[in-house]
């Protein structure tokens, strides 16, 4: 891909062709209802579902854009923002550790009740699925800070290997 503008335009086209429109507040309310009904035992299931979705999203962008590695991660950031899921920033701390910061996270931005623990299991899984395909290595993703707890952003630690 040449230039950031070209990458952004290509990602926008993929998102438009492969996504559905869901009201942000409706999605947040749906997620809050799931958390109320299911309680804490659902985290692993939501993580696994998110991981599968992240992998599928990575495959879609890789195939459509012909990018891989860090360029594929950049495409993930653009797709996340173009799809209005929130604002995402990825920082490489070193070769085995990344930090992903998400603000305006649609899943938890309008939760009525603050949680005691991080609750963005689907997003942690999504990041894991995406990073594993992009980096061609296993990763572990753990949410360190969560807007659902009242933190200013959701911060995920991505350990490679």
C-alpha atoms as a PDB file:
ATOM      1  CA  UNK A   1       0.000   0.000   0.000  1.00  0.00           C
ATOM      2  CA  UNK A   2       1.282   3.455  -0.830  1.00  0.00           C
ATOM      3  CA  UNK A   3       0.713   6.318   1.578  1.00  0.00           C
ATOM      4  CA  UNK A   4      -1.570   6.542   4.576  1.00  0.00           C
ATOM      5  CA  UNK A   5      -4.402   8.114   2.570  1.00  0.00           C
ATOM      6  CA  UNK A   6      -4.485   5.145   0.224  1.00  0.00           C
ATOM      7  CA  UNK A   7      -4.477   2.701   3.152  1.00  0.00           C
ATOM      8  CA  UNK A   8      -7.288   4.595   4.881  1.00  0.00           C
ATOM      9  CA  UNK A   9      -9.403   4.708   1.724  1.00  0.00           C
ATOM     10  CA  UNK A  10      -8.885   0.984   1.135  1.00  0.00           C
ATOM     11  CA  UNK A  11      -9.795   0.157   4.745  1.00  0.00           C
ATOM     12  CA  UNK A  12     -12.900   2.368   4.534  1.00  0.00           C
ATOM     13  CA  UNK A  13     -14.027   0.446   1.455  1.00  0.00           C
ATOM     14  CA  UNK A  14     -13.514  -2.923   3.172  1.00  0.00           C
ATOM     15  CA  UNK A  15     -15.420  -1.746   6.261  1.00  0.00           C
ATOM     16  CA  UNK A  16     -18.309  -0.412   4.148  1.00  0.00           C
ATOM     17  CA  UNK A  17     -18.573  -3.649   2.173  1.00  0.00           C
ATOM     18  CA  UNK A  18     -18.121  -6.066   5.081  1.00  0.00           C
ATOM     19  CA  UNK A  19     -19.830  -4.433   8.067  1.00  0.00           C
ATOM     20  CA  UNK A  20     -23.300  -3.652   9.335  1.00  0.00           C
ATOM     21  CA  UNK A  21     -24.494  -0.488  11.020  1.00  0.00           C
ATOM     22  CA  UNK A  22     -25.347  -0.880  14.698  1.00  0.00           C
ATOM     23  CA  UNK A  23     -26.360   2.026  16.906  1.00  0.00           C
ATOM     24  CA  UNK A  24     -23.544   2.704  19.416  1.00  0.00           C
ATOM     25  CA  UNK A  25     -25.859   3.145  22.386  1.00  0.00           C
ATOM     26  CA  UNK A  26     -27.841   0.069  21.424  1.00  0.00           C
ATOM     27  CA  UNK A  27     -24.668  -2.011  21.254  1.00  0.00           C
ATOM     28  CA  UNK A  28     -23.475  -0.684  24.606  1.00  0.00           C
ATOM     29  CA  UNK A  29     -26.878  -1.416  26.172  1.00  0.00           C
ATOM     30  CA  UNK A  30     -26.844  -4.922  24.716  1.00  0.00           C
ATOM     31  CA  UNK A  31     -23.380  -5.567  26.174  1.00  0.00           C
ATOM     32  CA  UNK A  32     -24.438  -4.221  29.564  1.00  0.00           C
ATOM     33  CA  UNK A  33     -27.434  -6.586  29.543  1.00  0.00           C
ATOM     34  CA  UNK A  34     -25.164  -9.523  28.716  1.00  0.00           C
ATOM     35  CA  UNK A  35     -22.902  -8.595  31.637  1.00  0.00           C
ATOM     36  CA  UNK A  36     -25.886  -8.366  34.002  1.00  0.00           C
ATOM     37  CA  UNK A  37     -27.369 -11.698  32.966  1.00  0.00           C
ATOM     38  CA  UNK A  38     -24.204 -13.740  32.634  1.00  0.00           C
ATOM     39  CA  UNK A  39     -22.042 -12.379  35.420  1.00  0.00           C
ATOM     40  CA  UNK A  40     -18.333 -13.028  35.606  1.00  0.00           C
ATOM     41  CA  UNK A  41     -18.246 -16.570  34.194  1.00  0.00           C
ATOM     42  CA  UNK A  42     -18.709 -15.329  30.661  1.00  0.00           C
ATOM     43  CA  UNK A  43     -15.313 -13.641  30.199  1.00  0.00           C
ATOM     44  CA  UNK A  44     -13.586 -16.624  28.599  1.00  0.00           C
ATOM     45  CA  UNK A  45     -16.431 -17.224  26.164  1.00  0.00           C
ATOM     46  CA  UNK A  46     -16.513 -13.565  25.118  1.00  0.00           C
ATOM     47  CA  UNK A  47     -12.702 -13.525  24.755  1.00  0.00           C
ATOM     48  CA  UNK A  48     -12.799 -16.610  22.518  1.00  0.00           C
ATOM     49  CA  UNK A  49     -15.606 -15.170  20.389  1.00  0.00           C
ATOM     50  CA  UNK A  50     -13.706 -11.895  20.071  1.00  0.00           C
ATOM     51  CA  UNK A  51     -10.531 -13.760  19.123  1.00  0.00           C
ATOM     52  CA  UNK A  52     -12.322 -15.567  16.295  1.00  0.00           C
ATOM     53  CA  UNK A  53     -13.753 -12.260  15.065  1.00  0.00           C
ATOM     54  CA  UNK A  54     -10.323 -10.601  15.256  1.00  0.00           C
ATOM     55  CA  UNK A  55      -8.767 -13.401  13.243  1.00  0.00           C
ATOM     56  CA  UNK A  56     -11.502 -13.167  10.607  1.00  0.00           C
ATOM     57  CA  UNK A  57     -11.087  -9.385  10.440  1.00  0.00           C
ATOM     58  CA  UNK A  58      -7.339  -9.782  10.014  1.00  0.00           C
ATOM     59  CA  UNK A  59      -7.784 -12.360   7.242  1.00  0.00           C
ATOM     60  CA  UNK A  60     -10.257 -10.068   5.467  1.00  0.00           C
ATOM     61  CA  UNK A  61      -7.934  -7.048   5.579  1.00  0.00           C
ATOM     62  CA  UNK A  62      -4.850  -9.122   4.723  1.00  0.00           C
ATOM     63  CA  UNK A  63      -6.551 -10.667   1.689  1.00  0.00           C
ATOM     64  CA  UNK A  64      -8.213  -7.472   0.466  1.00  0.00           C
ATOM     65  CA  UNK A  65      -5.320  -5.074   1.080  1.00  0.00           C
ATOM     66  CA  UNK A  66      -2.351  -7.384   0.626  1.00  0.00           C
ATOM     67  CA  UNK A  67      -0.713  -6.217   3.857  1.00  0.00           C
ATOM     68  CA  UNK A  68       0.858  -8.120   6.743  1.00  0.00           C
ATOM     69  CA  UNK A  69       2.813  -7.565   9.938  1.00  0.00           C
ATOM     70  CA  UNK A  70       2.789  -4.041  11.315  1.00  0.00           C
ATOM     71  CA  UNK A  71       0.970  -2.749   8.220  1.00  0.00           C
ATOM     72  CA  UNK A  72      -1.863  -5.164   9.003  1.00  0.00           C
ATOM     73  CA  UNK A  73      -1.955  -3.890  12.590  1.00  0.00           C
ATOM     74  CA  UNK A  74      -2.189  -0.330  11.236  1.00  0.00           C
ATOM     75  CA  UNK A  75      -5.091  -1.461   9.023  1.00  0.00           C
ATOM     76  CA  UNK A  76      -6.782  -2.871  12.167  1.00  0.00           C
ATOM     77  CA  UNK A  77      -6.479   0.515  13.875  1.00  0.00           C
ATOM     78  CA  UNK A  78      -7.983   2.272  10.853  1.00  0.00           C
ATOM     79  CA  UNK A  79     -10.820  -0.272  10.542  1.00  0.00           C
ATOM     80  CA  UNK A  80     -11.595   0.022  14.259  1.00  0.00           C
ATOM     81  CA  UNK A  81     -11.891   3.792  13.970  1.00  0.00           C
ATOM     82  CA  UNK A  82     -13.697   3.840  10.611  1.00  0.00           C
ATOM     83  CA  UNK A  83     -16.230   1.379  12.065  1.00  0.00           C
ATOM     84  CA  UNK A  84     -16.808   3.790  14.996  1.00  0.00           C
ATOM     85  CA  UNK A  85     -15.806   1.234  17.648  1.00  0.00           C
ATOM     86  CA  UNK A  86     -13.616   3.878  19.300  1.00  0.00           C
ATOM     87  CA  UNK A  87     -10.175   5.420  18.961  1.00  0.00           C
ATOM     88  CA  UNK A  88      -7.225   3.017  19.069  1.00  0.00           C
ATOM     89  CA  UNK A  89      -3.501   3.554  19.515  1.00  0.00           C
ATOM     90  CA  UNK A  90      -0.911   0.755  19.296  1.00  0.00           C
ATOM     91  CA  UNK A  91       2.538   1.194  20.797  1.00  0.00           C
ATOM     92  CA  UNK A  92       5.365  -1.308  20.531  1.00  0.00           C
ATOM     93  CA  UNK A  93       7.072  -1.354  23.916  1.00  0.00           C
ATOM     94  CA  UNK A  94       9.562  -3.917  22.555  1.00  0.00           C
ATOM     95  CA  UNK A  95       9.467  -6.922  20.182  1.00  0.00           C
ATOM     96  CA  UNK A  96       7.543  -9.033  22.709  1.00  0.00           C
ATOM     97  CA  UNK A  97       5.258  -6.432  24.243  1.00  0.00           C
ATOM     98  CA  UNK A  98       2.695  -4.029  22.800  1.00  0.00           C
ATOM     99  CA  UNK A  99       0.288  -1.642  24.484  1.00  0.00           C
ATOM    100  CA  UNK A 100      -3.085  -0.981  22.869  1.00  0.00           C
ATOM    101  CA  UNK A 101      -5.033   2.010  24.191  1.00  0.00           C
ATOM    102  CA  UNK A 102      -8.702   2.459  23.306  1.00  0.00           C
ATOM    103  CA  UNK A 103     -10.697   5.584  24.078  1.00  0.00           C
ATOM    104  CA  UNK A 104     -14.358   6.193  23.246  1.00  0.00           C
ATOM    105  CA  UNK A 105     -14.853   2.397  23.489  1.00  0.00           C
ATOM    106  CA  UNK A 106     -18.380   1.764  22.238  1.00  0.00           C
ATOM    107  CA  UNK A 107     -18.790  -1.418  24.313  1.00  0.00           C
ATOM    108  CA  UNK A 108     -18.509   0.351  27.656  1.00  0.00           C
ATOM    109  CA  UNK A 109     -18.841   4.061  26.926  1.00  0.00           C
ATOM    110  CA  UNK A 110     -22.378   4.260  28.276  1.00  0.00           C
ATOM    111  CA  UNK A 111     -22.437   1.578  30.980  1.00  0.00           C
ATOM    112  CA  UNK A 112     -24.768   2.748  33.736  1.00  0.00           C
ATOM    113  CA  UNK A 113     -22.949   0.879  36.499  1.00  0.00           C
ATOM    114  CA  UNK A 114     -19.174   0.905  36.993  1.00  0.00           C
ATOM    115  CA  UNK A 115     -17.526  -2.499  37.290  1.00  0.00           C
ATOM    116  CA  UNK A 116     -14.905  -3.663  39.773  1.00  0.00           C
ATOM    117  CA  UNK A 117     -12.868  -5.538  37.150  1.00  0.00           C
ATOM    118  CA  UNK A 118     -12.098  -4.957  33.453  1.00  0.00           C
ATOM    119  CA  UNK A 119     -14.976  -6.163  31.267  1.00  0.00           C
ATOM    120  CA  UNK A 120     -13.835  -5.705  27.663  1.00  0.00           C
ATOM    121  CA  UNK A 121     -13.275  -9.432  27.083  1.00  0.00           C
ATOM    122  CA  UNK A 122     -14.516  -9.418  23.457  1.00  0.00           C
ATOM    123  CA  UNK A 123     -12.175  -6.561  22.558  1.00  0.00           C
ATOM    124  CA  UNK A 124      -9.203  -8.233  24.283  1.00  0.00           C
ATOM    125  CA  UNK A 125      -9.955 -11.359  22.261  1.00  0.00           C
ATOM    126  CA  UNK A 126     -10.344  -9.351  19.053  1.00  0.00           C
ATOM    127  CA  UNK A 127      -6.929  -7.785  19.573  1.00  0.00           C
ATOM    128  CA  UNK A 128      -5.429 -11.236  20.268  1.00  0.00           C
ATOM    129  CA  UNK A 129      -6.899 -12.784  17.123  1.00  0.00           C
ATOM    130  CA  UNK A 130      -5.726  -9.898  14.999  1.00  0.00           C
ATOM    131  CA  UNK A 131      -2.204  -9.734  16.438  1.00  0.00           C
ATOM    132  CA  UNK A 132      -1.694 -13.500  16.152  1.00  0.00           C
ATOM    133  CA  UNK A 133      -2.385 -13.438  12.432  1.00  0.00           C
ATOM    134  CA  UNK A 134      -0.450 -10.209  11.830  1.00  0.00           C
ATOM    135  CA  UNK A 135       2.638 -11.283  13.793  1.00  0.00           C
ATOM    136  CA  UNK A 136       2.358 -14.997  12.959  1.00  0.00           C
ATOM    137  CA  UNK A 137       2.883 -15.852  16.635  1.00  0.00           C
ATOM    138  CA  UNK A 138       0.804 -16.619  19.711  1.00  0.00           C
ATOM    139  CA  UNK A 139      -0.127 -13.682  21.929  1.00  0.00           C
ATOM    140  CA  UNK A 140      -1.740 -13.161  25.310  1.00  0.00           C
ATOM    141  CA  UNK A 141      -3.856 -10.049  25.806  1.00  0.00           C
ATOM    142  CA  UNK A 142      -4.817  -8.717  29.217  1.00  0.00           C
ATOM    143  CA  UNK A 143      -6.837  -5.590  29.910  1.00  0.00           C
ATOM    144  CA  UNK A 144      -4.909  -3.434  32.402  1.00  0.00           C
ATOM    145  CA  UNK A 145      -7.292  -0.455  32.578  1.00  0.00           C
ATOM    146  CA  UNK A 146     -10.977  -0.311  31.658  1.00  0.00           C
ATOM    147  CA  UNK A 147     -13.407   2.509  30.977  1.00  0.00           C
ATOM    148  CA  UNK A 148     -16.035   0.195  32.473  1.00  0.00           C
ATOM    149  CA  UNK A 149     -14.249   0.636  35.827  1.00  0.00           C
ATOM    150  CA  UNK A 150     -14.104   4.394  35.421  1.00  0.00           C
ATOM    151  CA  UNK A 151     -10.617   4.591  33.887  1.00  0.00           C
ATOM    152  CA  UNK A 152     -10.111   7.196  31.155  1.00  0.00           C
ATOM    153  CA  UNK A 153      -9.229   4.519  28.580  1.00  0.00           C
ATOM    154  CA  UNK A 154      -9.116   0.790  28.069  1.00  0.00           C
ATOM    155  CA  UNK A 155      -5.478  -0.295  28.015  1.00  0.00           C
ATOM    156  CA  UNK A 156      -4.473  -3.763  26.848  1.00  0.00           C
ATOM    157  CA  UNK A 157      -1.101  -5.438  27.243  1.00  0.00           C
ATOM    158  CA  UNK A 158      -0.200  -7.730  24.340  1.00  0.00           C
ATOM    159  CA  UNK A 159       2.538 -10.281  25.114  1.00  0.00           C
ATOM    160  CA  UNK A 160       3.999 -12.021  22.059  1.00  0.00           C
ATOM    161  CA  UNK A 161       5.281 -15.601  22.174  1.00  0.00           C
END
